[in-house]
Amino acid sequence: MRIVNMAGGLGNQMFQYAFALMLKAHYPDEEVMIDTQHYHTLFFKHFGSVNLHNGFEIEDVFPHATLPIARPKDLMKVTYYIPNYVLSRIARKLLPKRKREYVAPYSENFMKNENVFTDGDTYYEGYWQCASYYLDLKPQLRQVFAHRSPNAYNTAMIRQIRETNSVGIHVRRGDYKNAPEFNGICTMDYYRKAFERIMSDGQRKTFFVFSNDIPWCRENLPAMLKGHDVVFVDGNRGKDSCWDMFLMTYCQELVIANSSFSWWGAFLNADAKTVCAPEPWLRRECKIDIYDPQWVRIN
């Protein structure tokens, strides 16, 4: 029995879910489950948490994601069962690690580490942002993470993206503005260099801008995109925000942010001829394996 903890927003949940699928491929005869207990507590429902964003979204967003959810009796076999996100974070620091737990150190969250392939029942906690884990699973992941039927707005956006020389741009601001590990990487200089790379073929493009700060993008991006069409995608909010990621999968070229959200938009895109990604990915001393080998790294 293998159980993978789920935490964070949709992009991180997708990494954890993909990791569970990778474990299932590695252990085809074993049961692999996911742990969603922290998203269903009274604490989260009433007070929320900055670490949990819109709650557990996998089952609502992806109809083909069908891994079983671990029951309390399953969890108690391999980890501490504390169905409260804040208390579980405190307990993780105070209580000794149980012998059936694999808790990835932060510096290894992004590395391919063979230690995760442990014998016997195991509980896994980490983010598993490791591209090489999932390269061979791309066909399966595109099926599992396929979207539902689009509404009228996104149907029209998909049509426009398909009918133009489309370039998706993701700008992550909001919570990133005060996050030292992520801020200061996707600067104006990064986007300028990426745009120059994209526009080097001399063709007229249509740039589709996805962001949690569209007003800032309207003010700052058009000057760098003169001579090209710019569409600010502002029709997907709240529970529909996942559609920005789905729309990215249709773009012919992409300029992504150091965000798991646009990472998946690029990774699930089967036809993009160019993906520009920032290097470094974060400001922390650790080895990372976040880049698809086909992507263009911009520093």
Protein backbone atom coordinates (compact mmCIF):
# COMPACT_ATOMS: atom_id res chain seq x y z
CA MET A 1 0.00 0.00 0.00
CA ARG A 2 1.33 3.41 -1.05
CA ILE A 3 -0.31 6.65 0.11
CA VAL A 4 0.64 10.07 -1.28
CA ASN A 5 -0.20 13.21 0.69
CA MET A 6 -2.00 15.99 -1.17
CA ALA A 7 -1.33 19.64 -0.30
CA GLY A 8 -1.20 23.08 -1.89
CA GLY A 9 -3.02 24.49 -4.89
CA LEU A 10 -4.04 22.76 -8.10
CA GLY A 11 -0.61 22.77 -9.75
CA ASN A 12 1.06 21.15 -6.73
CA GLN A 13 -1.80 18.68 -6.37
CA MET A 14 -1.20 17.65 -9.97
CA PHE A 15 2.47 16.94 -9.20
CA GLN A 16 1.49 14.82 -6.20
CA TYR A 17 -1.19 12.99 -8.16
CA ALA A 18 1.25 12.38 -11.02
CA PHE A 19 3.74 11.04 -8.48
CA ALA A 20 1.09 8.59 -7.25
CA LEU A 21 0.53 7.46 -10.85
CA MET A 22 4.28 7.02 -11.25
CA LEU A 23 4.31 4.84 -8.12
CA LYS A 24 1.42 2.82 -9.54
CA ALA A 25 3.42 2.24 -12.73
CA HIS A 26 6.41 1.18 -10.61
CA TYR A 27 4.30 -1.06 -8.32
CA PRO A 28 1.46 -2.27 -10.60
CA ASP A 29 0.34 -4.98 -8.16
CA GLU A 30 0.12 -2.70 -5.13
CA GLU A 31 -2.67 -0.37 -4.05
CA VAL A 32 -1.79 3.31 -4.44
CA MET A 33 -4.00 5.91 -2.75
CA ILE A 34 -4.02 9.64 -2.08
CA ASP A 35 -4.48 11.42 1.25
CA THR A 36 -6.88 14.38 1.13
CA GLN A 37 -7.67 14.60 4.85
CA HIS A 38 -6.36 18.16 5.28
CA TYR A 39 -8.85 19.55 2.76
CA HIS A 40 -11.92 18.25 4.53
CA THR A 41 -11.49 19.49 8.10
CA LEU A 42 -13.76 21.96 9.83
CA PHE A 43 -10.74 24.24 10.27
CA PHE A 44 -10.23 24.53 6.53
CA LYS A 45 -13.91 24.88 5.72
CA HIS A 46 -14.39 27.74 8.17
CA PHE A 47 -11.04 29.51 8.18
CA GLY A 48 -9.16 28.33 5.10
CA SER A 49 -5.38 28.27 4.77
CA VAL A 50 -2.91 30.09 2.59
CA ASN A 51 -1.34 26.73 1.81
CA LEU A 52 -4.52 25.09 0.57
CA HIS A 53 -5.80 27.70 -1.93
CA ASN A 54 -9.18 26.53 -3.33
CA GLY A 55 -9.11 23.22 -1.49
CA PHE A 56 -8.74 19.80 -3.06
CA GLU A 57 -9.56 20.36 -6.73
CA ILE A 58 -8.41 17.20 -8.52
CA GLU A 59 -11.71 15.32 -8.32
CA ASP A 60 -13.72 18.37 -9.43
CA VAL A 61 -11.43 19.47 -12.27
CA PHE A 62 -10.40 16.11 -13.76
CA PRO A 63 -13.16 13.54 -14.34
CA HIS A 64 -10.61 10.86 -15.30
CA ALA A 65 -8.62 11.11 -12.04
CA THR A 66 -9.87 8.05 -10.19
CA LEU A 67 -7.19 7.01 -7.70
CA PRO A 68 -8.83 5.93 -4.42
CA ILE A 69 -8.73 8.22 -1.39
CA ALA A 70 -7.15 6.72 1.73
CA ARG A 71 -9.44 6.02 4.66
CA PRO A 72 -8.51 6.87 8.27
CA LYS A 73 -7.72 3.22 9.01
CA ASP A 74 -5.36 3.13 6.00
CA LEU A 75 -3.59 6.29 7.14
CA MET A 76 -3.14 5.12 10.72
CA LYS A 77 -1.11 2.15 9.47
CA VAL A 78 1.61 4.33 7.97
CA THR A 79 1.42 7.88 9.38
CA TYR A 80 -0.06 10.07 12.10
CA TYR A 81 -3.74 10.67 11.47
CA ILE A 82 -4.30 14.34 12.34
CA PRO A 83 -7.17 15.69 10.20
CA ASN A 84 -6.28 19.34 10.67
CA TYR A 85 -3.78 21.06 8.38
CA VAL A 86 -2.26 23.46 10.91
CA LEU A 87 -1.98 20.88 13.69
CA SER A 88 -0.46 18.33 11.31
CA ARG A 89 2.26 20.83 10.29
CA ILE A 90 3.11 21.38 13.95
CA ALA A 91 3.05 17.66 14.67
CA ARG A 92 5.34 16.96 11.70
CA LYS A 93 8.03 19.11 13.36
CA LEU A 94 7.58 17.71 16.86
CA LEU A 95 6.83 14.02 16.40
CA PRO A 96 9.43 11.49 15.21
CA LYS A 97 9.12 10.26 11.65
CA ARG A 98 7.46 6.89 11.52
CA LYS A 99 9.39 4.11 9.85
CA ARG A 100 6.81 3.79 7.06
CA GLU A 101 6.91 7.49 6.15
CA TYR A 102 9.03 8.99 3.39
CA VAL A 103 9.12 12.75 3.95
CA ALA A 104 11.13 14.44 1.23
CA PRO A 105 13.54 17.13 2.43
CA TYR A 106 12.84 20.41 0.67
CA SER A 107 16.09 20.22 -1.24
CA GLU A 108 15.04 16.86 -2.65
CA ASN A 109 11.50 17.78 -3.64
CA PHE A 110 12.74 18.53 -7.12
CA MET A 111 15.25 15.68 -7.51
CA LYS A 112 14.90 12.18 -8.87
CA ASN A 113 15.75 10.24 -5.72
CA GLU A 114 15.64 6.46 -5.87
CA ASN A 115 15.10 6.36 -2.09
CA VAL A 116 11.40 6.94 -2.72
CA PHE A 117 11.18 3.37 -4.01
CA THR A 118 11.00 1.81 -0.57
CA ASP A 119 9.90 -1.68 0.34
CA GLY A 120 6.57 -2.26 2.02
CA ASP A 121 3.69 0.06 2.93
CA THR A 122 4.79 3.70 2.66
CA TYR A 123 3.35 7.18 3.20
CA TYR A 124 4.86 9.87 0.93
CA GLU A 125 4.94 13.56 1.71
CA GLY A 126 6.52 16.04 -0.69
CA TYR A 127 5.89 18.05 -3.83
CA TRP A 128 7.68 15.79 -6.34
CA GLN A 129 8.36 18.53 -8.88
CA CYS A 130 10.67 16.33 -10.92
CA ALA A 131 10.19 16.40 -14.70
CA SER A 132 12.11 13.19 -15.34
CA TYR A 133 9.61 11.23 -13.24
CA TYR A 134 6.84 12.05 -15.68
CA LEU A 135 8.35 12.19 -19.18
CA ASP A 136 7.40 8.57 -19.93
CA LEU A 137 3.94 9.13 -18.42
CA LYS A 138 3.03 12.08 -20.66
CA PRO A 139 0.42 10.18 -22.73
CA GLN A 140 -1.28 8.88 -19.59
CA LEU A 141 -1.11 12.25 -17.83
CA ARG A 142 -2.73 13.97 -20.81
CA GLN A 143 -5.63 11.56 -20.50
CA VAL A 144 -5.95 11.77 -16.72
CA PHE A 145 -5.63 15.57 -16.70
CA ALA A 146 -7.99 16.09 -19.66
CA HIS A 147 -10.51 18.87 -19.12
CA ARG A 148 -14.27 18.80 -19.15
CA SER A 149 -16.33 20.41 -21.92
CA PRO A 150 -15.58 24.16 -22.08
CA ASN A 151 -18.16 26.88 -21.54
CA ALA A 152 -18.94 29.42 -24.26
CA TYR A 153 -16.14 31.77 -23.26
CA ASN A 154 -13.44 29.09 -23.35
CA THR A 155 -14.85 27.50 -26.50
CA ALA A 156 -14.34 30.84 -28.23
CA MET A 157 -10.85 31.21 -26.71
CA ILE A 158 -9.80 27.75 -27.90
CA ARG A 159 -10.99 28.57 -31.40
CA GLN A 160 -9.06 31.86 -31.43
CA ILE A 161 -5.91 30.22 -30.08
CA ARG A 162 -6.06 27.50 -32.72
CA GLU A 163 -6.67 29.92 -35.59
CA THR A 164 -3.73 32.25 -34.85
CA ASN A 165 0.03 32.08 -34.33
CA SER A 166 -0.73 31.83 -30.64
CA VAL A 167 1.73 32.49 -27.83
CA GLY A 168 0.61 31.92 -24.26
CA ILE A 169 2.17 34.13 -21.59
CA HIS A 170 1.80 33.39 -17.89
CA VAL A 171 2.55 36.12 -15.35
CA ARG A 172 2.33 35.06 -11.70
CA ARG A 173 2.03 37.93 -9.29
CA GLY A 174 -0.24 38.18 -6.23
CA ASP A 175 1.26 35.84 -3.62
CA TYR A 176 4.58 35.74 -5.50
CA LYS A 177 5.26 39.44 -4.90
CA ASN A 178 6.14 38.77 -1.24
CA ALA A 179 7.68 35.31 -1.65
CA PRO A 180 11.50 35.63 -1.57
CA GLU A 181 12.00 32.15 -3.07
CA PHE A 182 9.94 32.92 -6.17
CA ASN A 183 10.00 36.68 -6.60
CA GLY A 184 12.67 38.45 -8.66
CA ILE A 185 13.00 35.63 -11.22
CA CYS A 186 10.31 36.35 -13.81
CA THR A 187 11.35 39.97 -14.19
CA MET A 188 10.59 42.32 -17.06
CA ASP A 189 14.03 41.36 -18.40
CA TYR A 190 13.03 37.68 -18.41
CA TYR A 191 9.88 38.39 -20.40
CA ARG A 192 11.74 40.71 -22.78
CA LYS A 193 14.33 38.02 -23.57
CA ALA A 194 11.64 35.36 -23.97
CA PHE A 195 9.59 37.57 -26.30
CA GLU A 196 12.67 38.27 -28.41
CA ARG A 197 13.24 34.53 -28.71
CA ILE A 198 9.61 33.93 -29.69
CA MET A 199 9.50 36.81 -32.19
CA SER A 200 12.84 36.00 -33.82
CA ASP A 201 11.12 34.20 -36.72
CA GLY A 202 9.61 37.50 -37.91
CA GLN A 203 6.02 36.23 -37.95
CA ARG A 204 3.08 38.17 -36.56
CA LYS A 205 1.85 36.58 -33.34
CA THR A 206 -1.18 36.75 -31.13
CA PHE A 207 -0.13 36.82 -27.47
CA PHE A 208 -2.63 35.43 -24.96
CA VAL A 209 -1.88 36.75 -21.48
CA PHE A 210 -2.83 34.67 -18.44
CA SER A 211 -2.30 36.17 -15.00
CA ASN A 212 -3.66 36.70 -11.51
CA ASP A 213 -2.90 40.40 -12.06
CA ILE A 214 -4.32 41.33 -15.46
CA PRO A 215 -4.34 45.11 -14.73
CA TRP A 216 -0.57 45.02 -14.19
CA CYS A 217 -0.14 43.07 -17.44
CA ARG A 218 -2.25 45.57 -19.39
CA GLU A 219 -0.03 48.36 -18.13
CA ASN A 220 3.37 46.71 -18.59
CA LEU A 221 3.34 44.15 -21.41
CA PRO A 222 1.98 45.89 -24.55
CA ALA A 223 5.08 48.07 -24.97
CA MET A 224 7.16 44.91 -25.46
CA LEU A 225 4.68 43.39 -27.92
CA LYS A 226 4.26 46.19 -30.44
CA GLY A 227 3.34 44.99 -33.90
CA HIS A 228 1.56 41.94 -32.50
CA ASP A 229 -1.97 41.27 -31.28
CA VAL A 230 -2.48 40.91 -27.52
CA VAL A 231 -5.44 39.20 -25.84
CA PHE A 232 -5.81 39.49 -22.07
CA VAL A 233 -7.60 36.36 -20.85
CA ASP A 234 -9.73 37.61 -17.96
CA GLY A 235 -12.85 35.45 -18.14
CA ASN A 236 -11.77 32.61 -15.84
CA ARG A 237 -11.93 33.30 -12.12
CA GLY A 238 -12.38 31.34 -8.91
CA LYS A 239 -13.19 27.71 -9.63
CA ASP A 240 -12.90 28.42 -13.36
CA SER A 241 -9.29 29.64 -13.06
CA CYS A 242 -8.09 26.15 -14.03
CA TRP A 243 -9.22 26.95 -17.56
CA ASP A 244 -6.30 29.34 -17.99
CA MET A 245 -4.04 26.31 -17.66
CA PHE A 246 -6.13 24.32 -20.13
CA LEU A 247 -6.03 27.16 -22.65
CA MET A 248 -2.22 27.15 -22.42
CA THR A 249 -2.21 23.56 -23.64
CA TYR A 250 -3.59 24.76 -27.00
CA CYS A 251 -1.02 27.52 -27.61
CA GLN A 252 1.60 27.04 -30.33
CA GLU A 253 4.29 28.67 -28.18
CA LEU A 254 4.53 29.48 -24.49
CA VAL A 255 6.36 31.78 -22.10
CA ILE A 256 5.77 30.36 -18.63
CA ALA A 257 6.41 31.62 -15.12
CA ASN A 258 8.17 29.74 -12.32
CA SER A 259 4.80 28.39 -11.30
CA SER A 260 3.49 24.83 -11.19
CA PHE A 261 0.29 26.16 -12.79
CA SER A 262 1.93 27.20 -16.08
CA TRP A 263 4.43 24.32 -15.81
CA TRP A 264 1.50 21.94 -16.31
CA GLY A 265 0.08 24.12 -19.07
CA ALA A 266 3.35 23.61 -20.94
CA PHE A 267 3.99 19.98 -19.99
CA LEU A 268 0.54 18.84 -21.13
CA ASN A 269 0.77 20.79 -24.40
CA ALA A 270 1.35 18.18 -27.09
CA ASP A 271 2.05 20.57 -29.96
CA ALA A 272 3.99 23.60 -28.66
CA LYS A 273 7.04 24.23 -30.84
CA THR A 274 8.68 26.56 -28.31
CA VAL A 275 8.39 26.77 -24.52
CA CYS A 276 10.44 29.43 -22.74
CA ALA A 277 10.98 28.87 -19.02
CA PRO A 278 12.90 30.93 -16.43
CA GLU A 279 16.22 29.81 -15.01
CA PRO A 280 16.66 29.71 -12.07
CA TRP A 281 13.28 28.34 -11.08
CA LEU A 282 13.53 29.47 -7.45
CA ARG A 283 15.98 31.18 -5.14
CA ARG A 284 17.12 28.33 -2.93
CA GLU A 285 20.25 26.24 -2.76
CA CYS A 286 19.02 22.93 -4.12
CA LYS A 287 19.32 20.83 -7.21
CA ILE A 288 16.18 20.86 -9.33
CA ASP A 289 14.90 18.66 -12.11
CA ILE A 290 12.00 20.87 -13.15
CA TYR A 291 12.69 21.40 -16.85
CA ASP A 292 11.41 19.37 -19.75
CA PRO A 293 14.52 18.77 -21.94
CA GLN A 294 12.73 20.35 -24.93
CA TRP A 295 12.20 23.71 -23.22
CA VAL A 296 14.29 26.84 -23.79
CA ARG A 297 15.75 28.13 -20.54
CA ILE A 298 15.98 31.91 -20.22
CA ASN A 299 18.18 33.54 -17.57
